[in-house]
Protein backbone atom coordinates (compact mmCIF):
# COMPACT_ATOMS: atom_id res chain seq x y z
CA UNK A 1 -0.06 0.08 -0.03
CA UNK A 2 1.56 3.22 -1.08
CA UNK A 3 -0.28 5.04 1.62
CA UNK A 4 -0.67 2.57 4.30
CA UNK A 5 -0.42 3.73 7.91
CA UNK A 6 1.08 6.84 6.59
CA UNK A 7 -0.07 9.54 9.00
CA UNK A 8 -0.31 8.99 12.87
CA UNK A 9 -4.40 9.63 12.90
CA UNK A 10 -5.39 7.68 9.95
CA UNK A 11 -3.38 4.68 11.21
CA UNK A 12 -5.90 3.95 13.97
CA UNK A 13 -8.76 4.11 11.45
CA UNK A 14 -8.20 1.61 8.59
CA UNK A 15 -11.58 1.56 6.81
CA UNK A 16 -11.03 5.36 6.15
CA UNK A 17 -7.47 4.96 5.21
CA UNK A 18 -7.02 5.24 1.43
CA UNK A 19 -4.11 2.85 0.60
CA UNK A 20 -3.56 3.35 -3.29
CA UNK A 21 -5.30 5.11 -5.97
CA UNK A 22 -5.01 4.38 -9.85
CA UNK A 23 -5.87 6.04 -13.02
CA UNK A 24 -5.42 4.88 -16.27
CA UNK A 25 -6.88 4.64 -19.83
CA UNK A 26 -8.79 0.95 -19.64
CA UNK A 27 -6.71 -1.39 -21.94
CA UNK A 28 -9.59 -3.36 -22.83
CA UNK A 29 -11.88 -0.30 -23.53
CA UNK A 30 -9.66 2.49 -24.39
CA UNK A 31 -12.59 4.95 -25.04
CA UNK A 32 -12.90 4.87 -21.08
CA UNK A 33 -10.67 5.41 -18.10
CA UNK A 34 -10.55 3.37 -14.85
CA UNK A 35 -10.28 5.12 -11.65
CA UNK A 36 -9.71 2.95 -8.44
CA UNK A 37 -9.38 3.87 -4.94
CA UNK A 38 -8.34 1.33 -2.40
CA UNK A 39 -8.98 1.39 1.47
CA UNK A 40 -8.31 -0.98 4.71
CA UNK A 41 -4.53 -1.46 4.20
CA UNK A 42 -2.70 -5.16 5.04
CA UNK A 43 -5.85 -7.36 5.05
CA UNK A 44 -4.72 -10.71 6.19
CA UNK A 45 -6.87 -13.11 4.21
CA UNK A 46 -7.72 -15.45 7.35
CA UNK A 47 -9.13 -12.20 9.39
CA UNK A 48 -12.17 -13.81 10.62
CA UNK A 49 -14.39 -14.05 12.25
CA UNK A 50 -15.47 -10.18 11.43
CA UNK A 51 -14.08 -10.17 7.94
CA UNK A 52 -12.95 -6.84 6.36
CA UNK A 53 -15.47 -4.42 4.82
CA UNK A 54 -16.13 -0.69 4.17
CA UNK A 55 -17.05 1.53 6.84
CA UNK A 56 -21.05 2.26 7.17
CA UNK A 57 -19.98 5.57 8.76
CA UNK A 58 -17.54 6.57 6.18
CA UNK A 59 -18.37 8.71 2.93
CA UNK A 60 -15.88 7.72 0.42
CA UNK A 61 -15.17 10.04 -2.83
CA UNK A 62 -13.34 9.43 -6.18
CA UNK A 63 -12.50 13.37 -7.57
CA UNK A 64 -11.59 14.47 -10.84
CA UNK A 65 -10.30 17.71 -11.69
CA UNK A 66 -10.30 18.46 -15.52
CA UNK A 67 -9.31 22.52 -15.15
CA UNK A 68 -6.29 22.32 -12.88
CA UNK A 69 -7.39 24.29 -10.24
CA UNK A 70 -7.03 21.50 -7.44
CA UNK A 71 -10.86 21.29 -7.14
CA UNK A 72 -13.18 18.49 -7.90
CA UNK A 73 -15.20 19.31 -11.06
CA UNK A 74 -16.69 15.40 -11.05
CA UNK A 75 -17.21 13.45 -7.74
CA UNK A 76 -18.18 9.98 -7.54
CA UNK A 77 -19.26 9.49 -4.09
CA UNK A 78 -19.76 6.05 -2.34
CA UNK A 79 -22.06 5.32 0.90
CA UNK A 80 -22.24 1.91 2.28
CA UNK A 81 -24.60 0.29 4.77
CA UNK A 82 -24.65 -3.37 6.06
CA UNK A 83 -27.45 -5.92 6.48
CA UNK A 84 -27.37 -8.82 8.89
CA UNK A 85 -29.57 -11.77 8.21
CA UNK A 86 -28.79 -13.69 11.39
CA UNK A 87 -27.99 -11.70 14.62
CA UNK A 88 -27.96 -14.77 16.68
CA UNK A 89 -24.66 -16.24 15.02
CA UNK A 90 -21.09 -15.12 15.35
CA UNK A 91 -20.65 -16.68 11.63
CA UNK A 92 -19.91 -14.60 8.64
CA UNK A 93 -20.96 -17.62 6.64
CA UNK A 94 -23.18 -20.07 7.57
CA UNK A 95 -22.46 -22.54 4.42
CA UNK A 96 -21.58 -22.08 0.84
CA UNK A 97 -22.08 -18.53 -0.71
CA UNK A 98 -22.95 -19.58 -4.13
CA UNK A 99 -24.26 -16.02 -5.16
CA UNK A 100 -24.49 -12.54 -3.93
CA UNK A 101 -28.21 -13.08 -2.36
CA UNK A 102 -27.26 -16.50 -0.93
CA UNK A 103 -28.75 -17.06 2.39
CA UNK A 104 -25.61 -18.77 3.59
CA UNK A 105 -24.01 -14.94 3.52
CA UNK A 106 -24.93 -13.46 6.81
CA UNK A 107 -23.23 -10.01 6.71
CA UNK A 108 -23.92 -8.32 3.36
CA UNK A 109 -22.74 -4.87 2.27
CA UNK A 110 -24.53 -2.78 -0.04
CA UNK A 111 -23.93 0.76 -1.33
CA UNK A 112 -25.27 4.00 -3.18
CA UNK A 113 -23.17 5.73 -5.91
CA UNK A 114 -23.89 9.19 -6.47
CA UNK A 115 -22.06 11.74 -9.08
CA UNK A 116 -21.57 15.38 -8.02
CA UNK A 117 -21.11 18.06 -10.78
CA UNK A 118 -21.25 21.68 -10.05
CA UNK A 119 -22.33 21.39 -6.63
CA UNK A 120 -25.16 19.28 -7.51
CA UNK A 121 -25.33 15.57 -6.20
CA UNK A 122 -27.31 12.85 -8.39
CA UNK A 123 -27.95 9.31 -7.25
CA UNK A 124 -27.20 7.30 -10.06
CA UNK A 125 -27.75 3.77 -8.47
CA UNK A 126 -28.76 2.29 -4.96
CA UNK A 127 -28.65 -1.03 -3.31
CA UNK A 128 -25.68 -2.10 -5.27
CA UNK A 129 -24.19 -5.50 -3.92
CA UNK A 130 -20.73 -5.81 -2.72
CA UNK A 131 -19.36 -9.35 -2.89
CA UNK A 132 -18.35 -11.18 0.38
CA UNK A 133 -14.48 -11.55 1.25
CA UNK A 134 -12.72 -14.61 0.15
CA UNK A 135 -13.05 -16.81 3.03
CA UNK A 136 -12.17 -20.40 1.67
CA UNK A 137 -13.07 -23.33 -0.34
CA UNK A 138 -16.02 -24.37 1.76
CA UNK A 139 -17.63 -20.94 2.31
CA UNK A 140 -16.51 -19.27 -1.15
CA UNK A 141 -15.68 -21.91 -3.83
CA UNK A 142 -16.21 -20.32 -6.90
CA UNK A 143 -15.14 -16.67 -5.79
CA UNK A 144 -13.89 -15.20 -9.29
CA UNK A 145 -17.40 -15.70 -10.41
CA UNK A 146 -19.00 -14.59 -7.21
CA UNK A 147 -16.93 -11.09 -7.45
CA UNK A 148 -17.79 -10.75 -11.06
CA UNK A 149 -21.40 -10.83 -10.49
CA UNK A 150 -20.72 -7.73 -8.30
CA UNK A 151 -19.51 -5.70 -11.43
CA UNK A 152 -22.43 -3.22 -12.07
CA UNK A 153 -23.29 -1.28 -15.07
CA UNK A 154 -24.61 2.28 -14.15
CA UNK A 155 -26.85 4.42 -16.37
CA UNK A 156 -24.23 6.55 -17.76
CA UNK A 157 -22.28 3.75 -19.02
CA UNK A 158 -19.91 3.35 -16.22
CA UNK A 159 -18.73 -0.08 -14.50
CA UNK A 160 -18.76 -0.10 -10.95
CA UNK A 161 -17.23 -2.50 -8.26
CA UNK A 162 -16.64 -2.16 -4.83
CA UNK A 163 -15.40 -5.15 -2.96
CA UNK A 164 -12.41 -6.97 -1.76
CA UNK A 165 -9.15 -7.57 -4.20
CA UNK A 166 -5.69 -8.67 -4.12
CA UNK A 167 -3.46 -6.31 -2.97
CA UNK A 168 -1.60 -4.76 -6.30
CA UNK A 169 1.04 -2.68 -4.70
CA UNK A 170 4.28 -4.55 -4.34
CA UNK A 171 6.76 -3.07 -1.87
CA UNK A 172 9.58 -4.52 0.38
CA UNK A 173 7.95 -2.98 3.58
CA UNK A 174 10.52 -4.63 5.90
CA UNK A 175 13.38 -3.43 4.31
CA UNK A 176 12.07 0.01 3.13
CA UNK A 177 11.34 0.89 6.87
CA UNK A 178 14.49 -0.28 8.11
CA UNK A 179 16.40 2.92 7.21
CA UNK A 180 15.16 3.23 3.58
CA UNK A 181 17.25 0.31 2.11
CA UNK A 182 16.23 -1.67 -0.91
CA UNK A 183 17.70 -5.31 -0.36
CA UNK A 184 19.56 -5.52 -3.70
CA UNK A 185 21.49 -2.17 -2.93
CA UNK A 186 22.79 -3.58 0.69
CA UNK A 187 26.27 -4.24 -0.90
CA UNK A 188 26.86 -0.42 -0.95
CA UNK A 189 24.90 0.43 2.04
CA UNK A 190 26.97 1.42 5.20
CA UNK A 191 26.59 -2.07 6.80
CA UNK A 192 28.28 -3.67 3.80
CA UNK A 193 25.99 -6.55 3.66
CA UNK A 194 25.94 -9.10 0.66
CA UNK A 195 23.32 -8.34 -2.28
CA UNK A 196 19.97 -9.88 -1.48
CA UNK A 197 16.68 -10.34 -3.63
CA UNK A 198 13.78 -8.21 -2.63
CA UNK A 199 11.14 -9.52 -0.53
CA UNK A 200 7.29 -8.68 -1.70
CA UNK A 201 5.59 -8.15 1.70
CA UNK A 202 2.06 -7.68 0.11
CA UNK A 203 2.20 -10.55 -1.86
CA UNK A 204 -0.24 -12.41 0.54
CA UNK A 205 -2.79 -9.54 1.44
CA UNK A 206 -6.01 -8.22 0.23
CA UNK A 207 -7.50 -4.74 0.14
CA UNK A 208 -10.89 -3.35 -0.32
CA UNK A 209 -11.37 -1.39 -3.82
CA UNK A 210 -13.94 1.03 -5.21
CA UNK A 211 -13.45 1.05 -8.89
CA UNK A 212 -15.33 2.90 -11.21
CA UNK A 213 -14.91 3.06 -15.39
CA UNK A 214 -16.01 5.87 -16.93
CA UNK A 215 -16.34 7.26 -20.70
CA UNK A 216 -13.82 9.74 -21.30
CA UNK A 217 -16.51 11.78 -22.61
CA UNK A 218 -18.00 11.94 -19.00
CA UNK A 219 -14.53 13.22 -17.79
CA UNK A 220 -13.28 15.83 -20.08
CA UNK A 221 -13.99 19.53 -19.69
CA UNK A 222 -16.03 19.87 -22.76
CA UNK A 223 -17.46 16.55 -23.09
CA UNK A 224 -15.34 15.36 -26.04
CA UNK A 225 -13.19 12.41 -26.38
CA UNK A 226 -9.57 13.33 -25.97
CA UNK A 227 -7.45 12.45 -29.17
CA UNK A 228 -4.52 15.04 -29.08
CA UNK A 229 -1.93 14.47 -26.44
CA UNK A 230 -0.36 17.79 -26.71
CA UNK A 231 -4.16 19.50 -26.09
CA UNK A 232 -4.18 20.63 -22.21
CA UNK A 233 -7.83 19.50 -22.21
CA UNK A 234 -6.62 15.90 -22.55
CA UNK A 235 -5.33 15.85 -19.15
CA UNK A 236 -7.35 15.21 -15.69
CA UNK A 237 -6.44 15.11 -12.18
CA UNK A 238 -7.69 12.29 -10.09
CA UNK A 239 -7.60 11.67 -6.14
CA UNK A 240 -9.68 9.94 -3.40
CA UNK A 241 -10.87 11.29 -0.16
CA UNK A 242 -12.83 9.66 2.74
CA UNK A 243 -14.88 11.56 5.41
CA UNK A 244 -16.28 11.07 8.75
CA UNK A 245 -19.35 13.22 10.84
CA UNK A 246 -17.78 15.85 12.72
CA UNK A 247 -19.40 14.83 15.92
CA UNK A 248 -19.82 10.98 17.39
CA UNK A 249 -21.44 10.23 20.49
CA UNK A 250 -20.80 6.76 21.81
CA UNK A 251 -23.23 4.77 24.25
CA UNK A 252 -22.90 1.06 25.25
CA UNK A 253 -25.06 -0.25 22.59
CA UNK A 254 -25.44 2.73 20.09
CA UNK A 255 -23.39 5.19 18.26
CA UNK A 256 -24.66 8.63 16.85
CA UNK A 257 -22.95 10.81 14.36
CA UNK A 258 -24.01 14.55 13.41
CA UNK A 259 -22.67 17.49 11.98
CA UNK A 260 -20.88 17.90 8.51
CA UNK A 261 -18.71 15.72 6.70
CA UNK A 262 -14.76 16.22 7.56
CA UNK A 263 -11.96 15.05 5.56
CA UNK A 264 -9.86 12.27 7.41
CA UNK A 265 -7.74 10.99 4.45
CA UNK A 266 -6.80 11.49 0.98
CA UNK A 267 -4.47 10.18 -1.65
CA UNK A 268 -3.19 11.11 -5.08
CA UNK A 269 0.40 10.21 -5.86
CA UNK A 270 1.79 7.12 -4.21
CA UNK A 271 4.12 7.82 -1.18
CA UNK A 272 3.44 11.39 -1.30
CA UNK A 273 2.22 11.63 2.50
CA UNK A 274 4.24 8.80 3.48
CA UNK A 275 7.86 9.95 2.69
CA UNK A 276 7.60 13.46 1.49
CA UNK A 277 5.35 15.22 4.45
CA UNK A 278 7.17 15.34 7.73
CA UNK A 279 5.54 13.73 10.54
CA UNK A 280 4.10 16.84 12.43
CA UNK A 281 2.31 17.82 9.39
CA UNK A 282 0.75 14.44 8.09
CA UNK A 283 -2.72 14.48 9.91
CA UNK A 284 -2.91 18.17 8.55
CA UNK A 285 -2.61 17.11 4.98
CA UNK A 286 -4.70 14.58 5.04
CA UNK A 287 -7.37 17.22 5.99
CA UNK A 288 -7.07 19.71 3.14
CA UNK A 289 -8.01 19.48 -0.15
CA UNK A 290 -5.38 19.39 -3.23
CA UNK A 291 -6.09 23.09 -3.56
CA UNK A 292 -4.15 23.67 -0.20
CA UNK A 293 -1.15 22.11 -1.15
CA UNK A 294 1.09 25.25 -1.94
CA UNK A 295 2.11 24.89 1.88
CA UNK A 296 3.82 21.56 1.19
CA UNK A 297 5.82 22.52 -2.13
CA UNK A 298 8.96 23.01 0.00
CA UNK A 299 9.00 19.55 0.96
CA UNK A 300 8.83 18.48 -2.53
CA UNK A 301 11.51 21.01 -3.56
CA UNK A 302 14.00 19.68 -0.69
CA UNK A 303 12.51 16.00 0.09
CA UNK A 304 14.12 14.40 3.21
CA UNK A 305 14.81 11.39 1.44
CA UNK A 306 17.08 12.98 -1.15
CA UNK A 307 19.40 14.29 2.03
CA UNK A 308 19.24 10.92 3.74
CA UNK A 309 20.28 8.68 0.85
CA UNK A 310 24.08 9.89 0.75
CA UNK A 311 24.23 9.47 4.23
CA UNK A 312 22.95 5.83 4.11
CA UNK A 313 24.95 5.06 1.20
CA UNK A 314 28.40 6.87 1.89
CA UNK A 315 30.27 7.88 -1.31
CA UNK A 316 27.58 6.41 -3.54
CA UNK A 317 25.64 9.63 -4.27
CA UNK A 318 28.08 12.32 -4.48
CA UNK A 319 26.43 14.48 -7.21
CA UNK A 320 22.82 14.21 -5.14
CA UNK A 321 24.62 15.10 -2.16
CA UNK A 322 26.02 18.34 -3.65
CA UNK A 323 22.83 19.27 -5.32
CA UNK A 324 21.02 21.97 -3.62
CA UNK A 325 18.45 23.60 -6.01
CA UNK A 326 14.94 23.20 -5.45
CA UNK A 327 13.75 20.05 -7.28
CA UNK A 328 11.73 21.41 -10.21
CA UNK A 329 11.44 17.65 -11.57
CA UNK A 330 9.64 16.48 -8.42
CA UNK A 331 7.57 19.30 -8.34
CA UNK A 332 6.50 18.46 -12.07
CA UNK A 333 6.31 14.86 -11.15
CA UNK A 334 4.09 15.14 -8.16
CA UNK A 335 2.60 18.71 -8.11
CA UNK A 336 2.03 20.39 -11.44
CA UNK A 337 2.79 17.49 -14.30
CA UNK A 338 5.28 17.62 -17.19
CA UNK A 339 5.06 20.80 -19.54
CA UNK A 340 5.23 19.73 -23.28
CA UNK A 341 8.66 19.39 -24.54
CA UNK A 342 10.20 18.54 -21.27
CA UNK A 343 9.63 14.36 -21.83
CA UNK A 344 9.47 13.93 -26.17
CA UNK A 345 6.01 13.15 -26.89
CA UNK A 346 4.48 13.71 -23.48
CA UNK A 347 2.74 16.25 -21.36
CA UNK A 348 0.40 16.04 -18.26
CA UNK A 349 0.73 19.59 -17.11
CA UNK A 350 -2.14 21.43 -15.48
CA UNK A 351 -1.00 24.65 -14.71
CA UNK A 352 0.66 26.66 -12.04
CA UNK A 353 -1.86 25.56 -8.94
CA UNK A 354 0.40 22.75 -7.16
CA UNK A 355 -1.62 19.78 -6.13
CA UNK A 356 -0.99 16.17 -5.27
CA UNK A 357 -3.37 14.42 -7.77
CA UNK A 358 -2.68 11.82 -10.66
CA UNK A 359 -1.99 13.48 -13.65
CA UNK A 360 -3.69 11.31 -16.83
CA UNK A 361 -3.42 12.39 -20.34
CA UNK A 362 -6.31 10.64 -21.67
CA UNK A 363 -5.23 10.93 -25.17
CA UNK A 364 -2.57 8.60 -24.85
CA UNK A 365 -3.52 5.09 -25.43
CA UNK A 366 -2.58 1.76 -23.51
CA UNK A 367 0.74 0.61 -24.46
CA UNK A 368 1.13 -2.78 -26.16
CA UNK A 369 4.37 -3.49 -24.50
CA UNK A 370 4.11 -2.10 -21.03
CA UNK A 371 7.23 -1.21 -18.79
CA UNK A 372 6.65 -1.28 -15.07
CA UNK A 373 9.02 1.79 -15.09
CA UNK A 374 6.31 3.78 -16.80
CA UNK A 375 7.45 7.12 -18.46
CA UNK A 376 11.07 6.45 -16.89
CA UNK A 377 11.20 3.24 -18.78
CA UNK A 378 9.91 5.00 -22.19
CA UNK A 379 6.30 3.80 -21.63
CA UNK A 380 4.18 7.25 -21.90
CA UNK A 381 1.14 5.32 -20.78
CA UNK A 382 2.48 4.35 -17.41
CA UNK A 383 3.28 6.39 -13.82
CA UNK A 384 3.36 9.24 -13.63
CA UNK A 385 1.20 9.45 -16.40
CA UNK A 386 -1.38 8.35 -14.23
CA UNK A 387 -0.88 5.08 -12.23
CA UNK A 388 -1.61 1.70 -13.57
CA UNK A 389 -2.10 -1.23 -11.19
CA UNK A 390 1.13 -2.67 -11.98
CA UNK A 391 3.46 0.17 -12.29
CA UNK A 392 6.37 -0.14 -10.16
CA UNK A 393 5.97 3.03 -8.47
CA UNK A 394 8.37 2.53 -5.53
CA UNK A 395 11.44 2.13 -8.20
CA UNK A 396 10.06 5.10 -10.23
CA UNK A 397 10.21 7.46 -7.26
CA UNK A 398 13.18 6.14 -5.45
CA UNK A 399 14.92 6.73 -8.52
CA UNK A 400 13.53 10.15 -9.21
CA UNK A 401 14.41 11.33 -5.71
CA UNK A 402 17.85 9.83 -6.31
CA UNK A 403 18.35 12.42 -9.21
CA UNK A 404 17.28 10.38 -12.09
CA UNK A 405 14.78 13.06 -13.44
CA UNK A 406 16.85 16.24 -12.52
CA UNK A 407 18.51 16.59 -16.30
CA UNK A 408 14.95 16.94 -17.28
CA UNK A 409 14.98 20.30 -15.75
CA UNK A 410 18.86 20.79 -15.22
CA UNK A 411 20.58 19.85 -18.28
CA UNK A 412 23.99 20.29 -16.33
CA UNK A 413 23.47 17.90 -13.84
CA UNK A 414 24.60 14.29 -14.18
CA UNK A 415 22.76 11.71 -12.01
CA UNK A 416 25.21 9.02 -9.86
CA UNK A 417 25.90 5.74 -11.69
CA UNK A 418 24.09 4.16 -8.74
CA UNK A 419 20.65 5.65 -9.62
CA UNK A 420 20.15 3.26 -12.67
CA UNK A 421 20.77 0.20 -10.23
CA UNK A 422 17.85 1.22 -7.77
CA UNK A 423 15.45 -1.58 -7.92
CA UNK A 424 13.09 -3.56 -5.41
CA UNK A 425 14.63 -6.80 -7.04
CA UNK A 426 11.27 -8.20 -8.04
CA UNK A 427 8.23 -7.63 -9.81
CA UNK A 428 4.40 -8.10 -9.30
CA UNK A 429 4.60 -11.78 -9.81
CA UNK A 430 2.23 -14.00 -11.61
CA UNK A 431 -1.79 -14.18 -11.19
CA UNK A 432 -1.61 -10.84 -9.27
CA UNK A 433 -4.06 -8.96 -12.00
CA UNK A 434 -6.80 -9.80 -14.33
CA UNK A 435 -7.09 -8.62 -18.07
CA UNK A 436 -10.57 -7.13 -17.15
CA UNK A 437 -12.18 -4.60 -14.92
CA UNK A 438 -11.49 -4.32 -12.06
CA UNK A 439 -8.00 -5.32 -13.09
CA UNK A 440 -6.80 -6.05 -9.57
CA UNK A 441 -6.94 -9.84 -8.97
CA UNK A 442 -8.91 -12.62 -7.32
CA UNK A 443 -8.07 -11.79 -3.44
CA UNK A 444 -6.23 -14.53 -1.52
CA UNK A 445 -8.16 -16.69 0.99
CA UNK A 446 -7.75 -17.47 4.46
CA UNK A 447 -7.45 -21.40 3.81
CA UNK A 448 -4.76 -21.39 1.39
CA UNK A 449 -2.44 -18.43 2.74
CA UNK A 450 1.04 -20.04 3.41
CA UNK A 451 0.85 -19.50 7.22
CA UNK A 452 -1.79 -22.36 7.06
CA UNK A 453 -1.08 -24.41 4.32
CA UNK A 454 0.39 -27.92 5.27
CA UNK A 455 -1.85 -28.04 8.34
CA UNK A 456 -2.99 -31.63 9.08
CA UNK A 457 -5.03 -33.47 11.72
CA UNK A 458 -3.84 -36.21 13.95
CA UNK A 459 -7.11 -38.06 14.43
CA UNK A 460 -5.59 -40.89 16.44
CA UNK A 461 -4.49 -38.30 19.13
CA UNK A 462 -7.89 -36.19 19.02
CA UNK A 463 -6.03 -33.01 18.60
CA UNK A 464 -5.14 -30.80 15.42
CA UNK A 465 -1.39 -30.23 14.73
CA UNK A 466 0.31 -27.76 12.18
CA UNK A 467 3.87 -29.24 11.38
CA UNK A 468 6.60 -26.61 11.56
CA UNK A 469 4.15 -24.21 13.50
CA UNK A 470 4.44 -23.43 17.27
CA UNK A 471 6.62 -21.41 19.39
CA UNK A 472 10.55 -21.14 18.72
CA UNK A 473 13.21 -20.38 21.26
């Protein structure tokens, strides 16, 4: 999750914690754009009996700015509610869940979708079913089909899905948060360890996704289908936000909420609040709209990580250590977009208003040969032109912070040789995604997770044992 647990306040509120956002031209329907907002970080597949779900008390939004002012012009709003069939049981499933209306599914979740344009909210669909979590082969034996049934077509031609999916963001959390090290680069870390392959910390966890596939004509500022990548009107900005009521009163068996909705979480570019904004201002950043990001430009111009890398890797980044100019390249990548002429054949510039949003040039078609490094790898359909589910945003952003993109704005700068070697040491792996909406793959189920595979019963002793599992001293 590129924004999991990224601020002290939201780390305590996972159902409102936006973990990732994606915006890309749909590869199987290139006249549309897919927008995805993920919530609830690091879902362990076996996390029952109260399996994961969206918050009934949270207002979720996917926002689109099509005129570059950092204010939403088009908002898709989602409100959820939960229905319990049998309150007299602790079980999430009481048998095989074979359909979205199966009587065996005890705790079902539904949602309403609204579209907000010019301050006017229009409800476009109500009581849409989310799928259950992927529990295991007895409760959810045909999960892919069950989840596909929860893809709904809306009157405006949109497709929408809200429910559990496989985590698409791959990252070595254990190494990154241990003094910002990528395992393959440990050989030139100050500890002088031997090179190692990266470890994908999110390969077996799930997430809750809100995904909507929208015709381009419903997102562009003039209602046309963008065809010219050089046209500023081809570019949109996207971000997600979550809100809670201002006042909450809790009694032993009841909770009452009132007052206006207050923004408690937002996310545009991956890792922005996590590694750019300092600790003391992270909760503040989560509370303001992108139009308020002018106060955070200084942290992008002089990122802490750029100062830390030469210290962690002594002698490896001498050019980066000596560079003191404001980072115009990072401001373009994260806050304004790239003007025409900086990257040949590409622009996603939205003007002078700094705002942390994913900027997508809708006139650039999907790539027939995608590169995980996106624009840095010569693939103009990938990050930071929006963001696809499989883009290696960690490698892209670490290389950028380390100086790979400085020459785009400062021709006299030469990146350190080590920059091109910065890598996680692994990719997304197989079966992580699907080729159709909502593109994130089938979530892991709790029965087959590596932690429990291999368990067996020893009937002669009348007890259950798990070979290799137990206390270690």
